[in-house]
Amino acid sequence: AIKMKRWVCITASGVSSSLLASAFVARTPSHHRSHLASLPTASLLLTKANTFVARRNRRQRLFVSLGSDEYDSNRHHIQFVSPLLEDGYPPAVLEYEQRQTNTSTNSNQHPRPILLYLPGFDGTILAPFLQFPSLDESFDVRGMKVGMDDRTTFDGLKSQVLEYVVDECHGRDVYLMGESFGGILATEVSLALLSSKEYSIQLRGLILVNPATSYLRSTLYKLGPPVANNDSLPFPLSFLQYIYSLTTQLVPLFLDEGRAFQQLITILSSKGLPAVVNNSQREAYMGRIAFDLANRLKFMPQETLKWRLEEWLATGNELFEDRLKKGELKELYQLKTLIVVGEKDLTLPSVEEAERLSTKVFNDVRVKVVKDAGHASTNGGSLNLIQVIRDFYPRLQTDASSSDGGDTNGANEDLSGLVPRYDNASIGLSPLLYWSEENYRKRKQ
């Protein structure tokens, strides 16, 4: 089971990875979970939260869902991170260190815009990890991570994102990127930023990847809740039933008929690489993440699946549809919006939803359909996202645009949507070089 788990972790990504991994990880006993949930105490967390809010003078917007009886402050696990800094990508770390010491040659220039990535209901930032290094050429890339034990409501997530954007992005151009559930959240946050004079944020664009605004019309909506709510059997039979339902009913929705697996074989055989992996630093970064996937993927308990289907996806969709009917989305009409969808998304009717959004919600909009991509692999090796973004947002076109790896539309189909290696080598970069001084740089604290 452990070997199978590690194989699955290396060959999958995003939401499907969390569900697949859950089939091979033992469930923590309930008495251990209750013990862990009690640490740290609620009073300690609230004390720290209040101190933080007082310092930033925005007490009213943090933990807005504390008034709900269903919200447990002990289970609030949300982080906003710079993924490339965390993973030692040299250009990002070097620029960060230069900013900290005010020695950067670009210190007098306008800083790059912030791109804030909001994840799917798995709460991880794994799905687009291949895209981050190339996005770093035009953006200061940030991402939100949500722990599996988190029980924040939809309104609470919205409040957390707004708090972060207002505190960290003031005076800089901002682009929001939401994938799957994150698409609902990003749309709601964008509406709040554009509708209220309280926020003086320069929101320049919205990027939606397989937005889950279609959840109530999706296959996931039909199959997900029965799996999450089925507790008719005693433990451990109920857990085995949950695992069986995950692997036979939900996991297939996130796959793409084997294209991602074919790409993996192509990469391992050194025949091709994703277009955005066009130098040794990016190849080393890709390798480091692949080696560490087993540690990054977390088991999604049945209780978490139930919470997120109901409190995140269903609630977010109902709010979106209600706003649409009442004409409350008018502020989004002129927001420059890019919608990226997988051609073979079985989880959500994404291609159909992109057409609906582009006619009923957004006016300044472009739709990009990724050929043969499933739900979890849309942001994968077949997409050169930075090129698509630059083509749509002229203000991001710079001299660096030529280094983004080329157009995946011209990719060799014999390479399953990938492109030939950047160095034409017959053997890929040695894993021994993944952590070399040239390819890895640990951030100095």
Foldseek 3Di string as FASTA:
>chain_A
DVVVLLVLLLLFWAPLNQLVNQLPDDDDDPVVVVVLLPPPPLVVLVVVLCVVCVVVVNNCLAPVVPVPPQADSSQWFKDKFQVCQVLFLPVLQVVVVCVVVVNDPCSVPADAAEEEEEGALLQDPTLQLLQNVLVVVRHRYMYMGHDLSHQQFLSNVLSVVLVCCQVPRPPHEYEYEYEALGLLSQLVNVLVQLVDPVGPHRHQAYEYELYLLQVCVALCVVLQQVLLPDDPDDPPVNVVSSSVSSVPPPSVLQDQVCLSVLLVVLVQQQFFFFLQQQDDLSVLSSVVCSVCSSVVHDHNDSNSSNSCVVRRNVVSNVVVVVCLVVVSQVSQAAHQYEYEYEPARRGGPRVVVVVVCCVRHYPNYDYHYQYSHYRSPSSHRLDLVVLVVCVSDVVSDDPCSVVRRDDLVPADVVSSSGHRHNVNDSHDDDNVCSCPPVNGDNRDD
